[in-house]
Amino acid sequence: MKNKFFKQQKKYDGSQLTPLFAYQNFKISGDSVVSWIGSCDVTLEHMVDFEDKIAHEKICGDLMLHFIVEVFPANLAFGVSLQRLFAAIALELIRELSPLKNLKSFREGDDIYIETTKNNIGKLSISIASVSAVSTQIHFALNVVNAGTPVKTACLQDLKINPEVFAKKIMAVFVAEYESVIFATQKVKPL
């Protein structure tokens, strides 16, 4: 699996969750995870979570650390499993990298929550997994700042975590885990 962090800021509006995004935009083909920092404002047109779409939920933030994961072929159950693995790795790294210790932090499915001050729990992440005719895609993002969000949030700035450092670290850990999963499927004799 290939991975790359891009320093150029780019807005995420949901249209990036499309087959071959990394190849079309960054010339990275095959299984990949790419990352960048930018604002977020998912339009209803590009919203793929029908629970949010039906409720006309706003998914936005002034500055977020975005990840797009794409693996081949298309398999939604595998995609949701990878999405939750990504969230679990993210929470583990947040606990490791933040100099703030003893913060209440937990994961519910693919969402990460942090108690930044006593009884003040904020949502740190957004995520969705979906499939196309050829691949499985995941968008995962963490708030870099709290501004511009429609709900109470936590952010990397609160946690004193550098987003670029975090992006590179999580991609390295996720790629190693993904490649280990793939190897595990290729070393066993079928029944």
C-alpha atoms as a PDB file:
ATOM      1  CA  MET A   1       0.000   0.000   0.000  1.00  0.00           C
ATOM      2  CA  LYS A   2       1.340   3.418  -0.979  1.00  0.00           C
ATOM      3  CA  ASN A   3       0.954   6.519   1.199  1.00  0.00           C
ATOM      4  CA  LYS A   4       1.684  10.213   0.894  1.00  0.00           C
ATOM      5  CA  PHE A   5       1.024  13.431   2.804  1.00  0.00           C
ATOM      6  CA  PHE A   6       0.484  16.512   0.640  1.00  0.00           C
ATOM      7  CA  LYS A   7       1.398  19.913   2.068  1.00  0.00           C
ATOM      8  CA  GLN A   8      -0.907  21.868  -0.241  1.00  0.00           C
ATOM      9  CA  GLN A   9      -4.195  22.611   1.497  1.00  0.00           C
ATOM     10  CA  LYS A  10      -7.308  21.366  -0.273  1.00  0.00           C
ATOM     11  CA  LYS A  11     -10.972  21.634   0.713  1.00  0.00           C
ATOM     12  CA  TYR A  12     -12.902  18.381   1.200  1.00  0.00           C
ATOM     13  CA  ASP A  13     -16.515  18.509  -0.021  1.00  0.00           C
ATOM     14  CA  GLY A  14     -17.276  14.801  -0.443  1.00  0.00           C
ATOM     15  CA  SER A  15     -16.547  14.706  -4.180  1.00  0.00           C
ATOM     16  CA  GLN A  16     -13.087  13.341  -3.348  1.00  0.00           C
ATOM     17  CA  LEU A  17     -14.662  10.048  -2.260  1.00  0.00           C
ATOM     18  CA  THR A  18     -14.499   8.669  -5.758  1.00  0.00           C
ATOM     19  CA  PRO A  19     -12.758   5.738  -7.466  1.00  0.00           C
ATOM     20  CA  LEU A  20      -9.090   6.301  -8.278  1.00  0.00           C
ATOM     21  CA  PHE A  21      -8.948   9.620  -6.394  1.00  0.00           C
ATOM     22  CA  ALA A  22      -5.261   9.217  -5.493  1.00  0.00           C
ATOM     23  CA  TYR A  23      -4.382   8.170  -9.032  1.00  0.00           C
ATOM     24  CA  GLN A  24      -6.298  11.010 -10.701  1.00  0.00           C
ATOM     25  CA  ASN A  25      -5.005  13.694  -8.356  1.00  0.00           C
ATOM     26  CA  PHE A  26      -1.590  12.494  -7.191  1.00  0.00           C
ATOM     27  CA  LYS A  27      -0.554   9.758  -9.681  1.00  0.00           C
ATOM     28  CA  ILE A  28      -0.668   7.120  -6.917  1.00  0.00           C
ATOM     29  CA  SER A  29      -2.202   3.906  -8.222  1.00  0.00           C
ATOM     30  CA  GLY A  30      -3.386   0.791  -6.442  1.00  0.00           C
ATOM     31  CA  ASP A  31      -4.047   0.372  -2.728  1.00  0.00           C
ATOM     32  CA  SER A  32      -3.256   3.720  -1.128  1.00  0.00           C
ATOM     33  CA  VAL A  33      -3.807   6.209   1.664  1.00  0.00           C
ATOM     34  CA  VAL A  34      -3.282   9.910   0.994  1.00  0.00           C
ATOM     35  CA  SER A  35      -3.570  12.825   3.404  1.00  0.00           C
ATOM     36  CA  TRP A  36      -3.773  16.608   3.427  1.00  0.00           C
ATOM     37  CA  ILE A  37      -5.011  19.472   5.585  1.00  0.00           C
ATOM     38  CA  GLY A  38      -7.950  21.618   4.519  1.00  0.00           C
ATOM     39  CA  SER A  39     -11.415  22.831   5.286  1.00  0.00           C
ATOM     40  CA  CYS A  40     -14.427  20.535   5.114  1.00  0.00           C
ATOM     41  CA  ASP A  41     -17.939  21.197   3.865  1.00  0.00           C
ATOM     42  CA  VAL A  42     -19.689  18.080   2.588  1.00  0.00           C
ATOM     43  CA  THR A  43     -22.572  19.036   0.334  1.00  0.00           C
ATOM     44  CA  LEU A  44     -25.819  17.039   0.305  1.00  0.00           C
ATOM     45  CA  GLU A  45     -25.037  16.167  -3.326  1.00  0.00           C
ATOM     46  CA  HIS A  46     -21.859  14.340  -2.272  1.00  0.00           C
ATOM     47  CA  MET A  47     -23.081  12.939   1.062  1.00  0.00           C
ATOM     48  CA  VAL A  48     -23.024   9.128   0.962  1.00  0.00           C
ATOM     49  CA  ASP A  49     -24.245   8.469   4.519  1.00  0.00           C
ATOM     50  CA  PHE A  50     -28.007   8.404   4.100  1.00  0.00           C
ATOM     51  CA  GLU A  51     -28.586   8.753   7.840  1.00  0.00           C
ATOM     52  CA  ASP A  52     -26.880  12.171   7.667  1.00  0.00           C
ATOM     53  CA  LYS A  53     -28.436  13.018   4.289  1.00  0.00           C
ATOM     54  CA  ILE A  54     -32.012  12.313   5.405  1.00  0.00           C
ATOM     55  CA  ALA A  55     -31.467  14.375   8.567  1.00  0.00           C
ATOM     56  CA  HIS A  56     -29.847  17.198   6.515  1.00  0.00           C
ATOM     57  CA  GLU A  57     -26.860  17.077   8.886  1.00  0.00           C
ATOM     58  CA  LYS A  58     -24.008  19.520   8.351  1.00  0.00           C
ATOM     59  CA  ILE A  59     -20.563  17.967   8.019  1.00  0.00           C
ATOM     60  CA  CYS A  60     -18.075  20.795   8.089  1.00  0.00           C
ATOM     61  CA  GLY A  61     -15.072  22.332   9.809  1.00  0.00           C
ATOM     62  CA  ASP A  62     -12.687  25.186   9.131  1.00  0.00           C
ATOM     63  CA  LEU A  63      -9.543  23.029   9.208  1.00  0.00           C
ATOM     64  CA  MET A  64      -9.252  19.246   9.254  1.00  0.00           C
ATOM     65  CA  LEU A  65      -6.638  16.582   8.608  1.00  0.00           C
ATOM     66  CA  HIS A  66      -8.108  14.426   5.813  1.00  0.00           C
ATOM     67  CA  PHE A  67      -7.307  10.874   4.741  1.00  0.00           C
ATOM     68  CA  ILE A  68      -8.604   8.976   1.726  1.00  0.00           C
ATOM     69  CA  VAL A  69      -7.968   5.232   1.777  1.00  0.00           C
ATOM     70  CA  GLU A  70      -8.628   3.183  -1.353  1.00  0.00           C
ATOM     71  CA  VAL A  71      -8.249  -0.576  -1.645  1.00  0.00           C
ATOM     72  CA  PHE A  72      -9.132  -3.024  -4.383  1.00  0.00           C
ATOM     73  CA  PRO A  73     -11.533  -4.684  -4.993  1.00  0.00           C
ATOM     74  CA  ALA A  74     -14.866  -3.351  -3.714  1.00  0.00           C
ATOM     75  CA  ASN A  75     -16.026  -4.909  -0.429  1.00  0.00           C
ATOM     76  CA  LEU A  76     -18.027  -2.768   1.977  1.00  0.00           C
ATOM     77  CA  ALA A  77     -17.715  -5.044   5.019  1.00  0.00           C
ATOM     78  CA  PHE A  78     -13.916  -5.058   4.590  1.00  0.00           C
ATOM     79  CA  GLY A  79     -14.010  -1.269   4.113  1.00  0.00           C
ATOM     80  CA  VAL A  80     -15.959  -0.668   7.317  1.00  0.00           C
ATOM     81  CA  SER A  81     -13.548  -2.998   9.154  1.00  0.00           C
ATOM     82  CA  LEU A  82     -10.566  -1.015   7.801  1.00  0.00           C
ATOM     83  CA  GLN A  83     -12.316   2.233   8.724  1.00  0.00           C
ATOM     84  CA  ARG A  84     -12.673   1.083  12.338  1.00  0.00           C
ATOM     85  CA  LEU A  85      -9.084  -0.169  12.364  1.00  0.00           C
ATOM     86  CA  PHE A  86      -7.974   3.283  11.168  1.00  0.00           C
ATOM     87  CA  ALA A  87      -9.996   4.933  13.968  1.00  0.00           C
ATOM     88  CA  ALA A  88      -8.548   2.547  16.566  1.00  0.00           C
ATOM     89  CA  ILE A  89      -4.998   3.292  15.395  1.00  0.00           C
ATOM     90  CA  ALA A  90      -5.771   7.028  15.447  1.00  0.00           C
ATOM     91  CA  LEU A  91      -6.955   6.868  19.061  1.00  0.00           C
ATOM     92  CA  GLU A  92      -3.909   4.824  20.085  1.00  0.00           C
ATOM     93  CA  LEU A  93      -1.570   7.392  18.466  1.00  0.00           C
ATOM     94  CA  ILE A  94      -3.437  10.342  20.003  1.00  0.00           C
ATOM     95  CA  ARG A  95      -2.891   8.829  23.436  1.00  0.00           C
ATOM     96  CA  GLU A  96       0.776   8.252  22.598  1.00  0.00           C
ATOM     97  CA  LEU A  97       1.567  11.605  20.923  1.00  0.00           C
ATOM     98  CA  SER A  98      -0.396  14.109  22.995  1.00  0.00           C
ATOM     99  CA  PRO A  99       1.596  15.569  25.884  1.00  0.00           C
ATOM    100  CA  LEU A 100      -1.737  15.907  27.723  1.00  0.00           C
ATOM    101  CA  LYS A 101      -2.176  12.758  29.778  1.00  0.00           C
ATOM    102  CA  ASN A 102      -5.155  11.326  31.637  1.00  0.00           C
ATOM    103  CA  LEU A 103      -7.661  12.754  29.179  1.00  0.00           C
ATOM    104  CA  LYS A 104     -10.806  10.700  28.840  1.00  0.00           C
ATOM    105  CA  SER A 105     -10.788   9.400  25.279  1.00  0.00           C
ATOM    106  CA  PHE A 106     -12.845   6.712  23.607  1.00  0.00           C
ATOM    107  CA  ARG A 107     -14.002   5.339  20.286  1.00  0.00           C
ATOM    108  CA  GLU A 108     -17.552   4.487  19.283  1.00  0.00           C
ATOM    109  CA  GLY A 109     -17.448   2.633  15.961  1.00  0.00           C
ATOM    110  CA  ASP A 110     -15.507   4.923  13.643  1.00  0.00           C
ATOM    111  CA  ASP A 111     -15.903   8.069  15.813  1.00  0.00           C
ATOM    112  CA  ILE A 112     -13.324   9.340  18.328  1.00  0.00           C
ATOM    113  CA  TYR A 113     -14.312  11.446  21.338  1.00  0.00           C
ATOM    114  CA  ILE A 114     -12.026  13.355  23.723  1.00  0.00           C
ATOM    115  CA  GLU A 115     -12.815  15.004  27.055  1.00  0.00           C
ATOM    116  CA  THR A 116     -10.766  18.191  26.729  1.00  0.00           C
ATOM    117  CA  THR A 117     -11.928  19.654  30.049  1.00  0.00           C
ATOM    118  CA  LYS A 118     -13.993  18.164  32.876  1.00  0.00           C
ATOM    119  CA  ASN A 119     -17.381  17.040  31.519  1.00  0.00           C
ATOM    120  CA  ASN A 120     -16.625  18.634  28.137  1.00  0.00           C
ATOM    121  CA  ILE A 121     -16.520  15.808  25.583  1.00  0.00           C
ATOM    122  CA  GLY A 122     -15.981  16.719  21.955  1.00  0.00           C
ATOM    123  CA  LYS A 123     -16.099  14.738  18.735  1.00  0.00           C
ATOM    124  CA  LEU A 124     -12.641  14.620  17.168  1.00  0.00           C
ATOM    125  CA  SER A 125     -13.288  12.718  13.942  1.00  0.00           C
ATOM    126  CA  ILE A 126     -15.603  12.149  11.012  1.00  0.00           C
ATOM    127  CA  SER A 127     -15.522   9.153   8.711  1.00  0.00           C
ATOM    128  CA  ILE A 128     -17.369   7.215   6.029  1.00  0.00           C
ATOM    129  CA  ALA A 129     -16.658   4.031   4.081  1.00  0.00           C
ATOM    130  CA  SER A 130     -18.243   3.179   0.742  1.00  0.00           C
ATOM    131  CA  VAL A 131     -17.629   1.201  -2.418  1.00  0.00           C
ATOM    132  CA  SER A 132     -17.536   1.855  -6.140  1.00  0.00           C
ATOM    133  CA  ALA A 133     -17.643  -0.608  -8.992  1.00  0.00           C
ATOM    134  CA  VAL A 134     -13.888  -1.158  -8.640  1.00  0.00           C
ATOM    135  CA  SER A 135     -12.742  -0.279  -5.132  1.00  0.00           C
ATOM    136  CA  THR A 136     -13.443   0.420  -1.479  1.00  0.00           C
ATOM    137  CA  GLN A 137     -12.926   3.972  -0.246  1.00  0.00           C
ATOM    138  CA  ILE A 138     -12.714   5.505   3.203  1.00  0.00           C
ATOM    139  CA  HIS A 139     -12.656   9.165   4.172  1.00  0.00           C
ATOM    140  CA  PHE A 140     -11.406   9.788   7.695  1.00  0.00           C
ATOM    141  CA  ALA A 141     -10.719  13.247   9.101  1.00  0.00           C
ATOM    142  CA  LEU A 142      -9.681  14.801  12.402  1.00  0.00           C
ATOM    143  CA  ASN A 143     -10.409  18.377  13.448  1.00  0.00           C
ATOM    144  CA  VAL A 144      -7.248  20.462  13.450  1.00  0.00           C
ATOM    145  CA  VAL A 145      -9.190  23.372  15.013  1.00  0.00           C
ATOM    146  CA  ASN A 146     -12.681  23.537  16.528  1.00  0.00           C
ATOM    147  CA  ALA A 147     -13.936  26.451  14.425  1.00  0.00           C
ATOM    148  CA  GLY A 148     -16.698  25.943  11.871  1.00  0.00           C
ATOM    149  CA  THR A 149     -18.096  22.686  13.233  1.00  0.00           C
ATOM    150  CA  PRO A 150     -21.834  22.153  13.803  1.00  0.00           C
ATOM    151  CA  VAL A 151     -21.368  20.069  16.980  1.00  0.00           C
ATOM    152  CA  LYS A 152     -19.163  20.234  20.077  1.00  0.00           C
ATOM    153  CA  THR A 153     -15.729  19.083  18.956  1.00  0.00           C
ATOM    154  CA  ALA A 154     -12.216  18.355  20.119  1.00  0.00           C
ATOM    155  CA  CYS A 155      -9.213  19.028  17.904  1.00  0.00           C
ATOM    156  CA  LEU A 156      -5.554  18.239  17.400  1.00  0.00           C
ATOM    157  CA  GLN A 157      -4.711  21.790  18.469  1.00  0.00           C
ATOM    158  CA  ASP A 158      -6.359  21.114  21.871  1.00  0.00           C
ATOM    159  CA  LEU A 159      -4.270  17.962  22.139  1.00  0.00           C
ATOM    160  CA  LYS A 160      -1.050  19.752  21.128  1.00  0.00           C
ATOM    161  CA  ILE A 161      -0.492  17.339  18.227  1.00  0.00           C
ATOM    162  CA  ASN A 162       1.139  18.500  14.993  1.00  0.00           C
ATOM    163  CA  PRO A 163      -1.203  17.367  12.171  1.00  0.00           C
ATOM    164  CA  GLU A 164       1.537  16.658   9.616  1.00  0.00           C
ATOM    165  CA  VAL A 165       3.544  14.588  12.092  1.00  0.00           C
ATOM    166  CA  PHE A 166       0.355  12.744  13.051  1.00  0.00           C
ATOM    167  CA  ALA A 167      -0.584  12.115   9.402  1.00  0.00           C
ATOM    168  CA  LYS A 168       2.768  10.589   8.542  1.00  0.00           C
ATOM    169  CA  LYS A 169       2.808   8.435  11.674  1.00  0.00           C
ATOM    170  CA  ILE A 170      -0.727   7.063  11.304  1.00  0.00           C
ATOM    171  CA  MET A 171      -0.232   6.283   7.618  1.00  0.00           C
ATOM    172  CA  ALA A 172       2.966   4.350   8.373  1.00  0.00           C
ATOM    173  CA  VAL A 173       1.249   2.348  11.135  1.00  0.00           C
ATOM    174  CA  PHE A 174      -1.908   1.749   9.048  1.00  0.00           C
ATOM    175  CA  VAL A 175       0.065   0.637   5.985  1.00  0.00           C
ATOM    176  CA  ALA A 176       2.082  -1.845   8.084  1.00  0.00           C
ATOM    177  CA  GLU A 177      -1.127  -3.211   9.634  1.00  0.00           C
ATOM    178  CA  TYR A 178      -2.883  -3.433   6.253  1.00  0.00           C
ATOM    179  CA  GLU A 179       0.042  -5.236   4.651  1.00  0.00           C
ATOM    180  CA  SER A 180       0.138  -7.627   7.605  1.00  0.00           C
ATOM    181  CA  VAL A 181      -3.581  -8.375   7.112  1.00  0.00           C
ATOM    182  CA  ILE A 182      -3.037  -9.056   3.413  1.00  0.00           C
ATOM    183  CA  PHE A 183      -0.051 -11.306   4.161  1.00  0.00           C
ATOM    184  CA  ALA A 184      -2.150 -13.205   6.722  1.00  0.00           C
ATOM    185  CA  THR A 185      -4.658 -13.999   3.962  1.00  0.00           C
ATOM    186  CA  GLN A 186      -1.906 -15.285   1.675  1.00  0.00           C
ATOM    187  CA  LYS A 187      -0.053 -17.650   3.999  1.00  0.00           C
ATOM    188  CA  VAL A 188      -2.771 -20.117   4.927  1.00  0.00           C
ATOM    189  CA  LYS A 189      -3.858 -23.272   3.192  1.00  0.00           C
ATOM    190  CA  PRO A 190      -7.528 -23.177   2.146  1.00  0.00           C
ATOM    191  CA  LEU A 191      -9.885 -25.682   3.796  1.00  0.00           C
END
